[in-house]
Amino acid sequence: LYDTRLGLVLIYVGLFSPFGTLLLRAFMLGLPKEMEEAARVDGAGEL
């Protein structure tokens, strides 16, 4: 992967994913759960 654009992309993903995960988790904690629960009642899976 040395001297390849794919190798550089994978490094950047490893560098920036932790902050992105923390930010999106904090964002999701503020979203209401009612619509998700309604979808599960209708038989929807997690995906």
ModelCIF file with pLDDT and N, C-alpha, C, O atoms, coordinates in Angstrom:
data_MODEL
#
_entry.id   MODEL 
#
_entity.id                         1 
_entity.type                       polymer 
_entity.pdbx_number_of_molecules   1 
#
_entity_poly.entity_id                      1 
_entity_poly.type                           'polypeptide(L)' 
_entity_poly.nstd_linkage                   no 
_entity_poly.nstd_monomer                   no 
_entity_poly.pdbx_seq_one_letter_code       LYDTRLGLVLIYVGLFSPFGTLLLRAFMLGLPKEMEEAARVDGAGEL 
_entity_poly.pdbx_seq_one_letter_code_can   LYDTRLGLVLIYVGLFSPFGTLLLRAFMLGLPKEMEEAARVDGAGEL 
_entity_poly.pdbx_strand_id                 A 
#
loop_
_entity_poly_seq.entity_id 
_entity_poly_seq.num 
_entity_poly_seq.mon_id 
_entity_poly_seq.hetero 
1 1  LEU n 
1 2  TYR n 
1 3  ASP n 
1 4  THR n 
1 5  ARG n 
1 6  LEU n 
1 7  GLY n 
1 8  LEU n 
1 9  VAL n 
1 10 LEU n 
1 11 ILE n 
1 12 TYR n 
1 13 VAL n 
1 14 GLY n 
1 15 LEU n 
1 16 PHE n 
1 17 SER n 
1 18 PRO n 
1 19 PHE n 
1 20 GLY n 
1 21 THR n 
1 22 LEU n 
1 23 LEU n 
1 24 LEU n 
1 25 ARG n 
1 26 ALA n 
1 27 PHE n 
1 28 MET n 
1 29 LEU n 
1 30 GLY n 
1 31 LEU n 
1 32 PRO n 
1 33 LYS n 
1 34 GLU n 
1 35 MET n 
1 36 GLU n 
1 37 GLU n 
1 38 ALA n 
1 39 ALA n 
1 40 ARG n 
1 41 VAL n 
1 42 ASP n 
1 43 GLY n 
1 44 ALA n 
1 45 GLY n 
1 46 GLU n 
1 47 LEU n 
#
_struct_asym.id          A 
_struct_asym.entity_id   1 
#
loop_
_ma_qa_metric.id 
_ma_qa_metric.mode 
_ma_qa_metric.name 
_ma_qa_metric.software_group_id 
_ma_qa_metric.type 
1 global pLDDT . pLDDT 
2 local  pLDDT . pLDDT 
#
_ma_qa_metric_global.metric_id      1 
_ma_qa_metric_global.metric_value   88.53 
_ma_qa_metric_global.model_id       1 
_ma_qa_metric_global.ordinal_id     1 
#
loop_
_ma_qa_metric_local.label_asym_id 
_ma_qa_metric_local.label_comp_id 
_ma_qa_metric_local.label_seq_id 
_ma_qa_metric_local.metric_id 
_ma_qa_metric_local.metric_value 
_ma_qa_metric_local.model_id 
_ma_qa_metric_local.ordinal_id 
A LEU 1  2 93.00 1 1  
A TYR 2  2 93.00 1 2  
A ASP 3  2 93.00 1 3  
A THR 4  2 93.00 1 4  
A ARG 5  2 94.00 1 5  
A LEU 6  2 94.00 1 6  
A GLY 7  2 94.00 1 7  
A LEU 8  2 94.00 1 8  
A VAL 9  2 96.00 1 9  
A LEU 10 2 95.00 1 10 
A ILE 11 2 94.00 1 11 
A TYR 12 2 95.00 1 12 
A VAL 13 2 94.00 1 13 
A GLY 14 2 91.00 1 14 
A LEU 15 2 91.00 1 15 
A PHE 16 2 93.00 1 16 
A SER 17 2 92.00 1 17 
A PRO 18 2 90.00 1 18 
A PHE 19 2 89.00 1 19 
A GLY 20 2 91.00 1 20 
A THR 21 2 91.00 1 21 
A LEU 22 2 88.00 1 22 
A LEU 23 2 88.00 1 23 
A LEU 24 2 91.00 1 24 
A ARG 25 2 89.00 1 25 
A ALA 26 2 87.00 1 26 
A PHE 27 2 86.00 1 27 
A MET 28 2 86.00 1 28 
A LEU 29 2 86.00 1 29 
A GLY 30 2 82.00 1 30 
A LEU 31 2 82.00 1 31 
A PRO 32 2 84.00 1 32 
A LYS 33 2 85.00 1 33 
A GLU 34 2 85.00 1 34 
A MET 35 2 83.00 1 35 
A GLU 36 2 85.00 1 36 
A GLU 37 2 85.00 1 37 
A ALA 38 2 86.00 1 38 
A ALA 39 2 84.00 1 39 
A ARG 40 2 84.00 1 40 
A VAL 41 2 86.00 1 41 
A ASP 42 2 82.00 1 42 
A GLY 43 2 84.00 1 43 
A ALA 44 2 82.00 1 44 
A GLY 45 2 83.00 1 45 
A GLU 46 2 82.00 1 46 
A LEU 47 2 86.00 1 47 
#
loop_
_atom_site.group_PDB 
_atom_site.id 
_atom_site.type_symbol 
_atom_site.label_atom_id 
_atom_site.label_alt_id 
_atom_site.label_comp_id 
_atom_site.label_asym_id 
_atom_site.label_entity_id 
_atom_site.label_seq_id 
_atom_site.pdbx_PDB_ins_code 
_atom_site.Cartn_x 
_atom_site.Cartn_y 
_atom_site.Cartn_z 
_atom_site.occupancy 
_atom_site.B_iso_or_equiv 
_atom_site.pdbx_formal_charge 
_atom_site.auth_seq_id 
_atom_site.auth_comp_id 
_atom_site.auth_asym_id 
_atom_site.auth_atom_id 
_atom_site.pdbx_PDB_model_num 
ATOM 1   N N  . LEU A 1 1  ? 0.806   -1.217 0.000  1.00 93.00 ? 1  LEU A N  1 
ATOM 2   C CA . LEU A 1 1  ? 0.000   0.000  0.000  1.00 93.00 ? 1  LEU A CA 1 
ATOM 3   C C  . LEU A 1 1  ? 0.839   1.267  0.000  1.00 93.00 ? 1  LEU A C  1 
ATOM 4   O O  . LEU A 1 1  ? 0.299   2.372  -0.056 1.00 93.00 ? 1  LEU A O  1 
ATOM 5   N N  . TYR A 1 2  ? 2.151   1.113  0.063  1.00 93.00 ? 2  TYR A N  1 
ATOM 6   C CA . TYR A 1 2  ? 3.015   2.291  0.034  1.00 93.00 ? 2  TYR A CA 1 
ATOM 7   C C  . TYR A 1 2  ? 3.013   2.917  -1.357 1.00 93.00 ? 2  TYR A C  1 
ATOM 8   O O  . TYR A 1 2  ? 3.032   2.211  -2.365 1.00 93.00 ? 2  TYR A O  1 
ATOM 9   N N  . ASP A 1 3  ? 2.990   4.234  -1.402 1.00 93.00 ? 3  ASP A N  1 
ATOM 10  C CA . ASP A 1 3  ? 2.967   4.997  -2.646 1.00 93.00 ? 3  ASP A CA 1 
ATOM 11  C C  . ASP A 1 3  ? 1.701   4.701  -3.457 1.00 93.00 ? 3  ASP A C  1 
ATOM 12  O O  . ASP A 1 3  ? 1.744   4.611  -4.684 1.00 93.00 ? 3  ASP A O  1 
ATOM 13  N N  . THR A 1 4  ? 0.580   4.554  -2.754 1.00 93.00 ? 4  THR A N  1 
ATOM 14  C CA . THR A 1 4  ? -0.714  4.380  -3.406 1.00 93.00 ? 4  THR A CA 1 
ATOM 15  C C  . THR A 1 4  ? -1.724  5.328  -2.757 1.00 93.00 ? 4  THR A C  1 
ATOM 16  O O  . THR A 1 4  ? -1.641  5.630  -1.567 1.00 93.00 ? 4  THR A O  1 
ATOM 17  N N  . ARG A 1 5  ? -2.663  5.782  -3.557 1.00 94.00 ? 5  ARG A N  1 
ATOM 18  C CA . ARG A 1 5  ? -3.708  6.645  -3.008 1.00 94.00 ? 5  ARG A CA 1 
ATOM 19  C C  . ARG A 1 5  ? -4.626  5.875  -2.057 1.00 94.00 ? 5  ARG A C  1 
ATOM 20  O O  . ARG A 1 5  ? -5.128  6.443  -1.087 1.00 94.00 ? 5  ARG A O  1 
ATOM 21  N N  . LEU A 1 6  ? -4.846  4.588  -2.328 1.00 94.00 ? 6  LEU A N  1 
ATOM 22  C CA . LEU A 1 6  ? -5.677  3.777  -1.435 1.00 94.00 ? 6  LEU A CA 1 
ATOM 23  C C  . LEU A 1 6  ? -5.040  3.664  -0.051 1.00 94.00 ? 6  LEU A C  1 
ATOM 24  O O  . LEU A 1 6  ? -5.731  3.760  0.963  1.00 94.00 ? 6  LEU A O  1 
ATOM 25  N N  . GLY A 1 7  ? -3.743  3.463  -0.010 1.00 94.00 ? 7  GLY A N  1 
ATOM 26  C CA . GLY A 1 7  ? -3.060  3.392  1.279  1.00 94.00 ? 7  GLY A CA 1 
ATOM 27  C C  . GLY A 1 7  ? -3.192  4.673  2.070  1.00 94.00 ? 7  GLY A C  1 
ATOM 28  O O  . GLY A 1 7  ? -3.379  4.636  3.286  1.00 94.00 ? 7  GLY A O  1 
ATOM 29  N N  . LEU A 1 8  ? -3.097  5.816  1.390  1.00 94.00 ? 8  LEU A N  1 
ATOM 30  C CA . LEU A 1 8  ? -3.250  7.100  2.077  1.00 94.00 ? 8  LEU A CA 1 
ATOM 31  C C  . LEU A 1 8  ? -4.685  7.290  2.566  1.00 94.00 ? 8  LEU A C  1 
ATOM 32  O O  . LEU A 1 8  ? -4.905  7.835  3.647  1.00 94.00 ? 8  LEU A O  1 
ATOM 33  N N  . VAL A 1 9  ? -5.656  6.843  1.778  1.00 96.00 ? 9  VAL A N  1 
ATOM 34  C CA . VAL A 1 9  ? -7.058  6.949  2.192  1.00 96.00 ? 9  VAL A CA 1 
ATOM 35  C C  . VAL A 1 9  ? -7.308  6.117  3.450  1.00 96.00 ? 9  VAL A C  1 
ATOM 36  O O  . VAL A 1 9  ? -7.977  6.582  4.372  1.00 96.00 ? 9  VAL A O  1 
ATOM 37  N N  . LEU A 1 10 ? -6.781  4.900  3.498  1.00 95.00 ? 10 LEU A N  1 
ATOM 38  C CA . LEU A 1 10 ? -6.987  4.048  4.672  1.00 95.00 ? 10 LEU A CA 1 
ATOM 39  C C  . LEU A 1 10 ? -6.351  4.652  5.918  1.00 95.00 ? 10 LEU A C  1 
ATOM 40  O O  . LEU A 1 10 ? -6.902  4.530  7.011  1.00 95.00 ? 10 LEU A O  1 
ATOM 41  N N  . ILE A 1 11 ? -5.218  5.289  5.770  1.00 94.00 ? 11 ILE A N  1 
ATOM 42  C CA . ILE A 1 11 ? -4.596  5.953  6.922  1.00 94.00 ? 11 ILE A CA 1 
ATOM 43  C C  . ILE A 1 11 ? -5.477  7.092  7.421  1.00 94.00 ? 11 ILE A C  1 
ATOM 44  O O  . ILE A 1 11 ? -5.681  7.242  8.625  1.00 94.00 ? 11 ILE A O  1 
ATOM 45  N N  . TYR A 1 12 ? -5.990  7.880  6.511  1.00 95.00 ? 12 TYR A N  1 
ATOM 46  C CA . TYR A 1 12 ? -6.849  8.999  6.912  1.00 95.00 ? 12 TYR A CA 1 
ATOM 47  C C  . TYR A 1 12 ? -8.141  8.504  7.569  1.00 95.00 ? 12 TYR A C  1 
ATOM 48  O O  . TYR A 1 12 ? -8.634  9.118  8.516  1.00 95.00 ? 12 TYR A O  1 
ATOM 49  N N  . VAL A 1 13 ? -8.685  7.399  7.067  1.00 94.00 ? 13 VAL A N  1 
ATOM 50  C CA . VAL A 1 13 ? -9.890  6.850  7.685  1.00 94.00 ? 13 VAL A CA 1 
ATOM 51  C C  . VAL A 1 13 ? -9.605  6.442  9.127  1.00 94.00 ? 13 VAL A C  1 
ATOM 52  O O  . VAL A 1 13 ? -10.414 6.694  10.020 1.00 94.00 ? 13 VAL A O  1 
ATOM 53  N N  . GLY A 1 14 ? -8.460  5.815  9.351  1.00 91.00 ? 14 GLY A N  1 
ATOM 54  C CA . GLY A 1 14 ? -8.097  5.450  10.714 1.00 91.00 ? 14 GLY A CA 1 
ATOM 55  C C  . GLY A 1 14 ? -7.852  6.648  11.607 1.00 91.00 ? 14 GLY A C  1 
ATOM 56  O O  . GLY A 1 14 ? -8.107  6.587  12.810 1.00 91.00 ? 14 GLY A O  1 
ATOM 57  N N  . LEU A 1 15 ? -7.362  7.735  11.037 1.00 91.00 ? 15 LEU A N  1 
ATOM 58  C CA . LEU A 1 15 ? -7.086  8.933  11.833 1.00 91.00 ? 15 LEU A CA 1 
ATOM 59  C C  . LEU A 1 15 ? -8.349  9.697  12.200 1.00 91.00 ? 15 LEU A C  1 
ATOM 60  O O  . LEU A 1 15 ? -8.460  10.206 13.316 1.00 91.00 ? 15 LEU A O  1 
ATOM 61  N N  . PHE A 1 16 ? -9.305  9.784  11.275 1.00 93.00 ? 16 PHE A N  1 
ATOM 62  C CA . PHE A 1 16 ? -10.447 10.673 11.460 1.00 93.00 ? 16 PHE A CA 1 
ATOM 63  C C  . PHE A 1 16 ? -11.723 9.956  11.902 1.00 93.00 ? 16 PHE A C  1 
ATOM 64  O O  . PHE A 1 16 ? -12.680 10.618 12.303 1.00 93.00 ? 16 PHE A O  1 
ATOM 65  N N  . SER A 1 17 ? -11.765 8.633  11.840 1.00 92.00 ? 17 SER A N  1 
ATOM 66  C CA . SER A 1 17 ? -12.964 7.910  12.243 1.00 92.00 ? 17 SER A CA 1 
ATOM 67  C C  . SER A 1 17 ? -13.286 8.036  13.729 1.00 92.00 ? 17 SER A C  1 
ATOM 68  O O  . SER A 1 17 ? -14.465 8.159  14.062 1.00 92.00 ? 17 SER A O  1 
ATOM 69  N N  . PRO A 1 18 ? -12.312 8.015  14.648 1.00 90.00 ? 18 PRO A N  1 
ATOM 70  C CA . PRO A 1 18 ? -12.678 8.154  16.072 1.00 90.00 ? 18 PRO A CA 1 
ATOM 71  C C  . PRO A 1 18 ? -13.427 9.440  16.385 1.00 90.00 ? 18 PRO A C  1 
ATOM 72  O O  . PRO A 1 18 ? -14.445 9.410  17.076 1.00 90.00 ? 18 PRO A O  1 
ATOM 73  N N  . PHE A 1 19 ? -12.937 10.565 15.888 1.00 89.00 ? 19 PHE A N  1 
ATOM 74  C CA . PHE A 1 19 ? -13.641 11.818 16.141 1.00 89.00 ? 19 PHE A CA 1 
ATOM 75  C C  . PHE A 1 19 ? -15.017 11.823 15.494 1.00 89.00 ? 19 PHE A C  1 
ATOM 76  O O  . PHE A 1 19 ? -15.984 12.293 16.094 1.00 89.00 ? 19 PHE A O  1 
ATOM 77  N N  . GLY A 1 20 ? -15.115 11.300 14.264 1.00 91.00 ? 20 GLY A N  1 
ATOM 78  C CA . GLY A 1 20 ? -16.409 11.243 13.597 1.00 91.00 ? 20 GLY A CA 1 
ATOM 79  C C  . GLY A 1 20 ? -17.400 10.369 14.348 1.00 91.00 ? 20 GLY A C  1 
ATOM 80  O O  . GLY A 1 20 ? -18.583 10.701 14.424 1.00 91.00 ? 20 GLY A O  1 
ATOM 81  N N  . THR A 1 21 ? -16.933 9.253  14.904 1.00 91.00 ? 21 THR A N  1 
ATOM 82  C CA . THR A 1 21 ? -17.812 8.382  15.678 1.00 91.00 ? 21 THR A CA 1 
ATOM 83  C C  . THR A 1 21 ? -18.307 9.063  16.943 1.00 91.00 ? 21 THR A C  1 
ATOM 84  O O  . THR A 1 21 ? -19.489 8.980  17.277 1.00 91.00 ? 21 THR A O  1 
ATOM 85  N N  . LEU A 1 22 ? -17.408 9.735  17.646 1.00 88.00 ? 22 LEU A N  1 
ATOM 86  C CA . LEU A 1 22 ? -17.806 10.440 18.866 1.00 88.00 ? 22 LEU A CA 1 
ATOM 87  C C  . LEU A 1 22 ? -18.802 11.559 18.565 1.00 88.00 ? 22 LEU A C  1 
ATOM 88  O O  . LEU A 1 22 ? -19.766 11.750 19.305 1.00 88.00 ? 22 LEU A O  1 
ATOM 89  N N  . LEU A 1 23 ? -18.572 12.290 17.491 1.00 88.00 ? 23 LEU A N  1 
ATOM 90  C CA . LEU A 1 23 ? -19.468 13.388 17.161 1.00 88.00 ? 23 LEU A CA 1 
ATOM 91  C C  . LEU A 1 23 ? -20.850 12.871 16.763 1.00 88.00 ? 23 LEU A C  1 
ATOM 92  O O  . LEU A 1 23 ? -21.863 13.412 17.206 1.00 88.00 ? 23 LEU A O  1 
ATOM 93  N N  . LEU A 1 24 ? -20.899 11.827 15.930 1.00 91.00 ? 24 LEU A N  1 
ATOM 94  C CA . LEU A 1 24 ? -22.194 11.297 15.501 1.00 91.00 ? 24 LEU A CA 1 
ATOM 95  C C  . LEU A 1 24 ? -22.924 10.604 16.647 1.00 91.00 ? 24 LEU A C  1 
ATOM 96  O O  . LEU A 1 24 ? -24.153 10.656 16.704 1.00 91.00 ? 24 LEU A O  1 
ATOM 97  N N  . ARG A 1 25 ? -22.216 9.968  17.547 1.00 89.00 ? 25 ARG A N  1 
ATOM 98  C CA . ARG A 1 25 ? -22.873 9.367  18.707 1.00 89.00 ? 25 ARG A CA 1 
ATOM 99  C C  . ARG A 1 25 ? -23.518 10.442 19.572 1.00 89.00 ? 25 ARG A C  1 
ATOM 100 O O  . ARG A 1 25 ? -24.655 10.291 20.019 1.00 89.00 ? 25 ARG A O  1 
ATOM 101 N N  . ALA A 1 26 ? -22.780 11.536 19.807 1.00 87.00 ? 26 ALA A N  1 
ATOM 102 C CA . ALA A 1 26 ? -23.358 12.635 20.574 1.00 87.00 ? 26 ALA A CA 1 
ATOM 103 C C  . ALA A 1 26 ? -24.562 13.233 19.857 1.00 87.00 ? 26 ALA A C  1 
ATOM 104 O O  . ALA A 1 26 ? -25.528 13.643 20.501 1.00 87.00 ? 26 ALA A O  1 
ATOM 105 N N  . PHE A 1 27 ? -24.512 13.285 18.532 1.00 86.00 ? 27 PHE A N  1 
ATOM 106 C CA . PHE A 1 27 ? -25.645 13.788 17.763 1.00 86.00 ? 27 PHE A CA 1 
ATOM 107 C C  . PHE A 1 27 ? -26.840 12.842 17.862 1.00 86.00 ? 27 PHE A C  1 
ATOM 108 O O  . PHE A 1 27 ? -27.976 13.299 17.989 1.00 86.00 ? 27 PHE A O  1 
ATOM 109 N N  . MET A 1 28 ? -26.604 11.546 17.808 1.00 86.00 ? 28 MET A N  1 
ATOM 110 C CA . MET A 1 28 ? -27.689 10.575 17.847 1.00 86.00 ? 28 MET A CA 1 
ATOM 111 C C  . MET A 1 28 ? -28.368 10.521 19.206 1.00 86.00 ? 28 MET A C  1 
ATOM 112 O O  . MET A 1 28 ? -29.564 10.237 19.286 1.00 86.00 ? 28 MET A O  1 
ATOM 113 N N  . LEU A 1 29 ? -27.629 10.788 20.270 1.00 86.00 ? 29 LEU A N  1 
ATOM 114 C CA . LEU A 1 29 ? -28.235 10.763 21.599 1.00 86.00 ? 29 LEU A CA 1 
ATOM 115 C C  . LEU A 1 29 ? -29.308 11.836 21.750 1.00 86.00 ? 29 LEU A C  1 
ATOM 116 O O  . LEU A 1 29 ? -30.183 11.717 22.608 1.00 86.00 ? 29 LEU A O  1 
ATOM 117 N N  . GLY A 1 30 ? -29.254 12.867 20.936 1.00 82.00 ? 30 GLY A N  1 
ATOM 118 C CA . GLY A 1 30 ? -30.269 13.912 20.973 1.00 82.00 ? 30 GLY A CA 1 
ATOM 119 C C  . GLY A 1 30 ? -31.454 13.663 20.076 1.00 82.00 ? 30 GLY A C  1 
ATOM 120 O O  . GLY A 1 30 ? -32.397 14.453 20.083 1.00 82.00 ? 30 GLY A O  1 
ATOM 121 N N  . LEU A 1 31 ? -31.443 12.579 19.291 1.00 82.00 ? 31 LEU A N  1 
ATOM 122 C CA . LEU A 1 31 ? -32.570 12.259 18.410 1.00 82.00 ? 31 LEU A CA 1 
ATOM 123 C C  . LEU A 1 31 ? -33.625 11.462 19.174 1.00 82.00 ? 31 LEU A C  1 
ATOM 124 O O  . LEU A 1 31 ? -33.268 10.610 19.987 1.00 82.00 ? 31 LEU A O  1 
ATOM 125 N N  . PRO A 1 32 ? -34.898 11.711 18.938 1.00 84.00 ? 32 PRO A N  1 
ATOM 126 C CA . PRO A 1 32 ? -35.947 10.927 19.615 1.00 84.00 ? 32 PRO A CA 1 
ATOM 127 C C  . PRO A 1 32 ? -35.972 9.489  19.105 1.00 84.00 ? 32 PRO A C  1 
ATOM 128 O O  . PRO A 1 32 ? -35.634 9.209  17.955 1.00 84.00 ? 32 PRO A O  1 
ATOM 129 N N  . LYS A 1 33 ? -36.383 8.587  19.998 1.00 85.00 ? 33 LYS A N  1 
ATOM 130 C CA . LYS A 1 33 ? -36.402 7.171  19.674 1.00 85.00 ? 33 LYS A CA 1 
ATOM 131 C C  . LYS A 1 33 ? -37.783 6.673  19.235 1.00 85.00 ? 33 LYS A C  1 
ATOM 132 O O  . LYS A 1 33 ? -37.927 5.499  18.891 1.00 85.00 ? 33 LYS A O  1 
ATOM 133 N N  . GLU A 1 34 ? -38.792 7.536  19.241 1.00 85.00 ? 34 GLU A N  1 
ATOM 134 C CA . GLU A 1 34 ? -40.150 7.079  18.973 1.00 85.00 ? 34 GLU A CA 1 
ATOM 135 C C  . GLU A 1 34 ? -40.300 6.497  17.580 1.00 85.00 ? 34 GLU A C  1 
ATOM 136 O O  . GLU A 1 34 ? -40.948 5.465  17.402 1.00 85.00 ? 34 GLU A O  1 
ATOM 137 N N  . MET A 1 35 ? -39.698 7.161  16.575 1.00 83.00 ? 35 MET A N  1 
ATOM 138 C CA . MET A 1 35 ? -39.829 6.662  15.201 1.00 83.00 ? 35 MET A CA 1 
ATOM 139 C C  . MET A 1 35 ? -39.116 5.324  15.021 1.00 83.00 ? 35 MET A C  1 
ATOM 140 O O  . MET A 1 35 ? -39.598 4.458  14.291 1.00 83.00 ? 35 MET A O  1 
ATOM 141 N N  . GLU A 1 36 ? -37.986 5.154  15.674 1.00 85.00 ? 36 GLU A N  1 
ATOM 142 C CA . GLU A 1 36 ? -37.285 3.873  15.589 1.00 85.00 ? 36 GLU A CA 1 
ATOM 143 C C  . GLU A 1 36 ? -38.096 2.763  16.239 1.00 85.00 ? 36 GLU A C  1 
ATOM 144 O O  . GLU A 1 36 ? -38.175 1.655  15.708 1.00 85.00 ? 36 GLU A O  1 
ATOM 145 N N  . GLU A 1 37 ? -38.701 3.056  17.389 1.00 85.00 ? 37 GLU A N  1 
ATOM 146 C CA . GLU A 1 37 ? -39.524 2.055  18.062 1.00 85.00 ? 37 GLU A CA 1 
ATOM 147 C C  . GLU A 1 37 ? -40.754 1.713  17.234 1.00 85.00 ? 37 GLU A C  1 
ATOM 148 O O  . GLU A 1 37 ? -41.176 0.557  17.192 1.00 85.00 ? 37 GLU A O  1 
ATOM 149 N N  . ALA A 1 38 ? -41.333 2.719  16.574 1.00 86.00 ? 38 ALA A N  1 
ATOM 150 C CA . ALA A 1 38 ? -42.492 2.446  15.713 1.00 86.00 ? 38 ALA A CA 1 
ATOM 151 C C  . ALA A 1 38 ? -42.107 1.559  14.533 1.00 86.00 ? 38 ALA A C  1 
ATOM 152 O O  . ALA A 1 38 ? -42.867 0.673  14.143 1.00 86.00 ? 38 ALA A O  1 
ATOM 153 N N  . ALA A 1 39 ? -40.922 1.801  13.966 1.00 84.00 ? 39 ALA A N  1 
ATOM 154 C CA . ALA A 1 39 ? -40.473 0.959  12.854 1.00 84.00 ? 39 ALA A CA 1 
ATOM 155 C C  . ALA A 1 39 ? -40.220 -0.468 13.308 1.00 84.00 ? 39 ALA A C  1 
ATOM 156 O O  . ALA A 1 39 ? -40.505 -1.406 12.563 1.00 84.00 ? 39 ALA A O  1 
ATOM 157 N N  . ARG A 1 40 ? -39.696 -0.655 14.503 1.00 84.00 ? 40 ARG A N  1 
ATOM 158 C CA . ARG A 1 40 ? -39.474 -2.012 15.015 1.00 84.00 ? 40 ARG A CA 1 
ATOM 159 C C  . ARG A 1 40 ? -40.798 -2.713 15.277 1.00 84.00 ? 40 ARG A C  1 
ATOM 160 O O  . ARG A 1 40 ? -40.924 -3.916 15.048 1.00 84.00 ? 40 ARG A O  1 
ATOM 161 N N  . VAL A 1 41 ? -41.786 -1.962 15.757 1.00 86.00 ? 41 VAL A N  1 
ATOM 162 C CA . VAL A 1 41 ? -43.104 -2.555 15.973 1.00 86.00 ? 41 VAL A CA 1 
ATOM 163 C C  . VAL A 1 41 ? -43.696 -3.045 14.646 1.00 86.00 ? 41 VAL A C  1 
ATOM 164 O O  . VAL A 1 41 ? -44.384 -4.065 14.607 1.00 86.00 ? 41 VAL A O  1 
ATOM 165 N N  . ASP A 1 42 ? -43.426 -2.323 13.577 1.00 82.00 ? 42 ASP A N  1 
ATOM 166 C CA . ASP A 1 42 ? -43.922 -2.717 12.252 1.00 82.00 ? 42 ASP A CA 1 
ATOM 167 C C  . ASP A 1 42 ? -43.135 -3.868 11.650 1.00 82.00 ? 42 ASP A C  1 
ATOM 168 O O  . ASP A 1 42 ? -43.455 -4.326 10.553 1.00 82.00 ? 42 ASP A O  1 
ATOM 169 N N  . GLY A 1 43 ? -42.102 -4.347 12.353 1.00 84.00 ? 43 GLY A N  1 
ATOM 170 C CA . GLY A 1 43 ? -41.363 -5.506 11.893 1.00 84.00 ? 43 GLY A CA 1 
ATOM 171 C C  . GLY A 1 43 ? -40.044 -5.194 11.217 1.00 84.00 ? 43 GLY A C  1 
ATOM 172 O O  . GLY A 1 43 ? -39.428 -6.092 10.643 1.00 84.00 ? 43 GLY A O  1 
ATOM 173 N N  . ALA A 1 44 ? -39.594 -3.964 11.264 1.00 82.00 ? 44 ALA A N  1 
ATOM 174 C CA . ALA A 1 44 ? -38.325 -3.604 10.622 1.00 82.00 ? 44 ALA A CA 1 
ATOM 175 C C  . ALA A 1 44 ? -37.148 -4.088 11.463 1.00 82.00 ? 44 ALA A C  1 
ATOM 176 O O  . ALA A 1 44 ? -37.179 -4.018 12.692 1.00 82.00 ? 44 ALA A O  1 
ATOM 177 N N  . GLY A 1 45 ? -36.104 -4.581 10.784 1.00 83.00 ? 45 GLY A N  1 
ATOM 178 C CA . GLY A 1 45 ? -34.890 -4.978 11.472 1.00 83.00 ? 45 GLY A CA 1 
ATOM 179 C C  . GLY A 1 45 ? -33.992 -3.789 11.746 1.00 83.00 ? 45 GLY A C  1 
ATOM 180 O O  . GLY A 1 45 ? -34.293 -2.654 11.378 1.00 83.00 ? 45 GLY A O  1 
ATOM 181 N N  . GLU A 1 46 ? -32.875 -4.084 12.407 1.00 82.00 ? 46 GLU A N  1 
ATOM 182 C CA . GLU A 1 46 ? -31.959 -2.999 12.775 1.00 82.00 ? 46 GLU A CA 1 
ATOM 183 C C  . GLU A 1 46 ? -31.375 -2.311 11.550 1.00 82.00 ? 46 GLU A C  1 
ATOM 184 O O  . GLU A 1 46 ? -31.213 -1.091 11.542 1.00 82.00 ? 46 GLU A O  1 
ATOM 185 N N  . LEU A 1 47 ? -31.057 -3.084 10.518 1.00 86.00 ? 47 LEU A N  1 
ATOM 186 C CA . LEU A 1 47 ? -30.493 -2.484 9.314  1.00 86.00 ? 47 LEU A CA 1 
ATOM 187 C C  . LEU A 1 47 ? -31.511 -1.581 8.629  1.00 86.00 ? 47 LEU A C  1 
ATOM 188 O O  . LEU A 1 47 ? -31.210 -0.987 7.593  1.00 86.00 ? 47 LEU A O  1 
#
